[in-house]
Amino acid sequence: MKLRTTHNSIRIRIRKSEIEELSTKKQVIESIRFPLGILLRFALQIQEKEESVTAALEDNFLSVSIPKNEADAWINSNQVGIEKRISLPEGEELHLLIEKDFPCLDRPEEDKSDTFWELAPESPEAC
């Protein structure tokens, strides 16, 4: 699972094997270790009781949750992504984008075997 962030935006890209894990275990979790024993964990989860895509951050754990019906429709189709904008105070928004991962043709060293070749544009410019 890949995590990309920019100002008030979180983008998650998920590989085929992780889609399978999400479907069966209802979550995929990754972690990043930092010096001094700090651990950042992030997860993509399916939640039965959620009505909308949500995000939360607590104790160095970022969780993004998808409602079950929306997750099932996305997992079992050619739909590339799920996008949500969540209103924040002072008129700002948190932009969430959850996507099936495409192969990066401009990175020849990267393992592309677990990506969604069949959904990728024929000649993508770059990742």
C-alpha atoms as a PDB file:
ATOM      1  CA  MET A   1       0.000   0.000   0.000  1.00  0.00           C
ATOM      2  CA  LYS A   2       1.313   3.400  -0.931  1.00  0.00           C
ATOM      3  CA  LEU A   3       0.532   6.567   0.976  1.00  0.00           C
ATOM      4  CA  ARG A   4       0.950   9.987  -0.581  1.00  0.00           C
ATOM      5  CA  THR A   5       0.085  13.181   1.210  1.00  0.00           C
ATOM      6  CA  THR A   6       0.001  16.846   0.394  1.00  0.00           C
ATOM      7  CA  HIS A   7      -1.839  19.792   1.939  1.00  0.00           C
ATOM      8  CA  ASN A   8      -5.119  18.350   3.294  1.00  0.00           C
ATOM      9  CA  SER A   9      -4.961  15.456   0.858  1.00  0.00           C
ATOM     10  CA  ILE A  10      -4.375  11.737   1.408  1.00  0.00           C
ATOM     11  CA  ARG A  11      -3.953   9.366  -1.524  1.00  0.00           C
ATOM     12  CA  ILE A  12      -3.777   5.616  -0.977  1.00  0.00           C
ATOM     13  CA  ARG A  13      -2.803   3.247  -3.771  1.00  0.00           C
ATOM     14  CA  ILE A  14      -3.434  -0.427  -3.190  1.00  0.00           C
ATOM     15  CA  ARG A  15      -2.112  -3.483  -5.054  1.00  0.00           C
ATOM     16  CA  LYS A  16      -4.049  -6.579  -6.130  1.00  0.00           C
ATOM     17  CA  SER A  17      -2.858  -8.754  -3.238  1.00  0.00           C
ATOM     18  CA  GLU A  18      -3.825  -6.006  -0.801  1.00  0.00           C
ATOM     19  CA  ILE A  19      -7.305  -5.804  -2.357  1.00  0.00           C
ATOM     20  CA  GLU A  20      -7.618  -9.524  -1.586  1.00  0.00           C
ATOM     21  CA  GLU A  21      -6.445  -8.916   1.997  1.00  0.00           C
ATOM     22  CA  LEU A  22      -8.865  -6.015   2.376  1.00  0.00           C
ATOM     23  CA  SER A  23     -11.705  -8.165   1.073  1.00  0.00           C
ATOM     24  CA  THR A  24     -11.008 -11.103   3.412  1.00  0.00           C
ATOM     25  CA  LYS A  25      -9.556  -9.462   6.541  1.00  0.00           C
ATOM     26  CA  LYS A  26     -11.397  -6.125   6.234  1.00  0.00           C
ATOM     27  CA  GLN A  27      -8.150  -4.157   6.619  1.00  0.00           C
ATOM     28  CA  VAL A  28      -4.660  -3.616   5.277  1.00  0.00           C
ATOM     29  CA  ILE A  29      -2.078  -2.104   7.626  1.00  0.00           C
ATOM     30  CA  GLU A  30       1.368  -0.686   6.836  1.00  0.00           C
ATOM     31  CA  SER A  31       3.971   0.870   9.094  1.00  0.00           C
ATOM     32  CA  ILE A  32       6.967   3.149   8.841  1.00  0.00           C
ATOM     33  CA  ARG A  33       9.711   3.074  11.471  1.00  0.00           C
ATOM     34  CA  PHE A  34      11.488   6.286  12.412  1.00  0.00           C
ATOM     35  CA  PRO A  35      14.506   6.926  14.631  1.00  0.00           C
ATOM     36  CA  LEU A  36      13.959   6.997  18.402  1.00  0.00           C
ATOM     37  CA  GLY A  37      11.479   4.136  18.216  1.00  0.00           C
ATOM     38  CA  ILE A  38       8.677   6.136  16.617  1.00  0.00           C
ATOM     39  CA  LEU A  39       6.264   4.081  14.541  1.00  0.00           C
ATOM     40  CA  LEU A  40       3.710   5.493  12.113  1.00  0.00           C
ATOM     41  CA  ARG A  41       1.009   3.038  11.138  1.00  0.00           C
ATOM     42  CA  PHE A  42      -1.669   3.532   8.524  1.00  0.00           C
ATOM     43  CA  ALA A  43      -4.600   1.380   7.558  1.00  0.00           C
ATOM     44  CA  LEU A  44      -7.314   1.052   4.974  1.00  0.00           C
ATOM     45  CA  GLN A  45     -10.345  -0.596   6.531  1.00  0.00           C
ATOM     46  CA  ILE A  46     -13.836  -1.761   5.648  1.00  0.00           C
ATOM     47  CA  GLN A  47     -16.396  -0.733   8.263  1.00  0.00           C
ATOM     48  CA  GLU A  48     -19.866  -2.265   8.424  1.00  0.00           C
ATOM     49  CA  LYS A  49     -21.368   0.666  10.329  1.00  0.00           C
ATOM     50  CA  GLU A  50     -19.856   3.588   8.395  1.00  0.00           C
ATOM     51  CA  GLU A  51     -22.085   5.463   5.976  1.00  0.00           C
ATOM     52  CA  SER A  52     -19.300   7.424   4.314  1.00  0.00           C
ATOM     53  CA  VAL A  53     -15.551   7.284   3.758  1.00  0.00           C
ATOM     54  CA  THR A  54     -13.813   8.589   6.889  1.00  0.00           C
ATOM     55  CA  ALA A  55     -10.302   9.298   8.136  1.00  0.00           C
ATOM     56  CA  ALA A  56      -8.915   9.526  11.654  1.00  0.00           C
ATOM     57  CA  LEU A  57      -5.507  10.049  13.233  1.00  0.00           C
ATOM     58  CA  GLU A  58      -4.774   8.967  16.801  1.00  0.00           C
ATOM     59  CA  ASP A  59      -1.525   7.928  18.511  1.00  0.00           C
ATOM     60  CA  ASN A  60       0.500   7.830  15.262  1.00  0.00           C
ATOM     61  CA  PHE A  61      -2.161   5.641  13.611  1.00  0.00           C
ATOM     62  CA  LEU A  62      -3.904   6.930  10.493  1.00  0.00           C
ATOM     63  CA  SER A  63      -7.008   4.989   9.546  1.00  0.00           C
ATOM     64  CA  VAL A  64      -9.094   5.460   6.432  1.00  0.00           C
ATOM     65  CA  SER A  65     -12.385   3.588   6.452  1.00  0.00           C
ATOM     66  CA  ILE A  66     -14.715   2.681   3.609  1.00  0.00           C
ATOM     67  CA  PRO A  67     -18.349   1.632   4.135  1.00  0.00           C
ATOM     68  CA  LYS A  68     -18.856  -2.057   3.340  1.00  0.00           C
ATOM     69  CA  ASN A  69     -21.286  -1.572   0.443  1.00  0.00           C
ATOM     70  CA  GLU A  70     -19.004   1.000  -1.226  1.00  0.00           C
ATOM     71  CA  ALA A  71     -15.915  -1.162  -0.654  1.00  0.00           C
ATOM     72  CA  ASP A  72     -17.602  -4.259  -2.093  1.00  0.00           C
ATOM     73  CA  ALA A  73     -18.695  -2.372  -5.222  1.00  0.00           C
ATOM     74  CA  TRP A  74     -15.165  -0.980  -5.718  1.00  0.00           C
ATOM     75  CA  ILE A  75     -13.332  -4.251  -5.041  1.00  0.00           C
ATOM     76  CA  ASN A  76     -15.542  -6.287  -7.387  1.00  0.00           C
ATOM     77  CA  SER A  77     -15.484  -3.936 -10.379  1.00  0.00           C
ATOM     78  CA  ASN A  78     -13.214  -2.052 -12.756  1.00  0.00           C
ATOM     79  CA  GLN A  79     -13.818   1.117 -10.761  1.00  0.00           C
ATOM     80  CA  VAL A  80     -10.360   2.610 -10.222  1.00  0.00           C
ATOM     81  CA  GLY A  81     -10.934   4.756  -7.174  1.00  0.00           C
ATOM     82  CA  ILE A  82     -13.045   6.120  -4.380  1.00  0.00           C
ATOM     83  CA  GLU A  83     -12.896   9.842  -3.732  1.00  0.00           C
ATOM     84  CA  LYS A  84     -14.266  11.784  -0.797  1.00  0.00           C
ATOM     85  CA  ARG A  85     -14.020  15.375   0.393  1.00  0.00           C
ATOM     86  CA  ILE A  86     -14.624  15.930   4.101  1.00  0.00           C
ATOM     87  CA  SER A  87     -15.455  19.416   5.349  1.00  0.00           C
ATOM     88  CA  LEU A  88     -13.082  20.847   7.944  1.00  0.00           C
ATOM     89  CA  PRO A  89     -13.342  23.954  10.128  1.00  0.00           C
ATOM     90  CA  GLU A  90     -12.740  27.353   8.563  1.00  0.00           C
ATOM     91  CA  GLY A  91     -13.943  26.266   5.122  1.00  0.00           C
ATOM     92  CA  GLU A  92     -11.127  23.788   4.433  1.00  0.00           C
ATOM     93  CA  GLU A  93     -11.503  20.211   3.174  1.00  0.00           C
ATOM     94  CA  LEU A  94      -9.716  16.902   3.636  1.00  0.00           C
ATOM     95  CA  HIS A  95      -9.443  15.227   0.242  1.00  0.00           C
ATOM     96  CA  LEU A  96      -9.277  11.399   0.305  1.00  0.00           C
ATOM     97  CA  LEU A  97      -8.466   9.345  -2.773  1.00  0.00           C
ATOM     98  CA  ILE A  98      -8.232   5.549  -2.611  1.00  0.00           C
ATOM     99  CA  GLU A  99      -7.096   3.915  -5.851  1.00  0.00           C
ATOM    100  CA  LYS A 100      -6.155   0.597  -7.341  1.00  0.00           C
ATOM    101  CA  ASP A 101      -2.413   0.768  -8.092  1.00  0.00           C
ATOM    102  CA  PHE A 102      -1.268   0.999 -11.719  1.00  0.00           C
ATOM    103  CA  PRO A 103       2.183  -0.014 -12.970  1.00  0.00           C
ATOM    104  CA  CYS A 104       4.696   2.836 -13.129  1.00  0.00           C
ATOM    105  CA  LEU A 105       6.246   2.635 -16.579  1.00  0.00           C
ATOM    106  CA  ASP A 106       8.798   5.326 -15.750  1.00  0.00           C
ATOM    107  CA  ARG A 107      10.276   3.183 -12.936  1.00  0.00           C
ATOM    108  CA  PRO A 108      11.824   0.120 -14.588  1.00  0.00           C
ATOM    109  CA  GLU A 109      13.255  -1.212 -11.295  1.00  0.00           C
ATOM    110  CA  GLU A 110       9.837  -1.387  -9.592  1.00  0.00           C
ATOM    111  CA  ASP A 111       8.000  -4.730  -9.326  1.00  0.00           C
ATOM    112  CA  LYS A 112       4.806  -4.271 -11.337  1.00  0.00           C
ATOM    113  CA  SER A 113       3.471  -7.819 -11.113  1.00  0.00           C
ATOM    114  CA  ASP A 114       0.912  -7.023  -8.397  1.00  0.00           C
ATOM    115  CA  THR A 115      -0.592  -3.948 -10.059  1.00  0.00           C
ATOM    116  CA  PHE A 116      -3.739  -3.395 -12.110  1.00  0.00           C
ATOM    117  CA  TRP A 117      -2.299  -3.536 -15.647  1.00  0.00           C
ATOM    118  CA  GLU A 118      -5.746  -4.169 -17.084  1.00  0.00           C
ATOM    119  CA  LEU A 119      -7.071  -0.824 -15.764  1.00  0.00           C
ATOM    120  CA  ALA A 120      -4.048   1.314 -16.669  1.00  0.00           C
ATOM    121  CA  PRO A 121      -4.096   3.708 -19.620  1.00  0.00           C
ATOM    122  CA  GLU A 122      -2.252   2.318 -22.637  1.00  0.00           C
ATOM    123  CA  SER A 123       0.402   5.021 -22.532  1.00  0.00           C
ATOM    124  CA  PRO A 124       0.475   6.701 -19.133  1.00  0.00           C
ATOM    125  CA  GLU A 125       2.767   9.716 -18.846  1.00  0.00           C
ATOM    126  CA  ALA A 126       4.035   8.803 -15.367  1.00  0.00           C
ATOM    127  CA  CYS A 127       2.798   7.616 -11.992  1.00  0.00           C
END
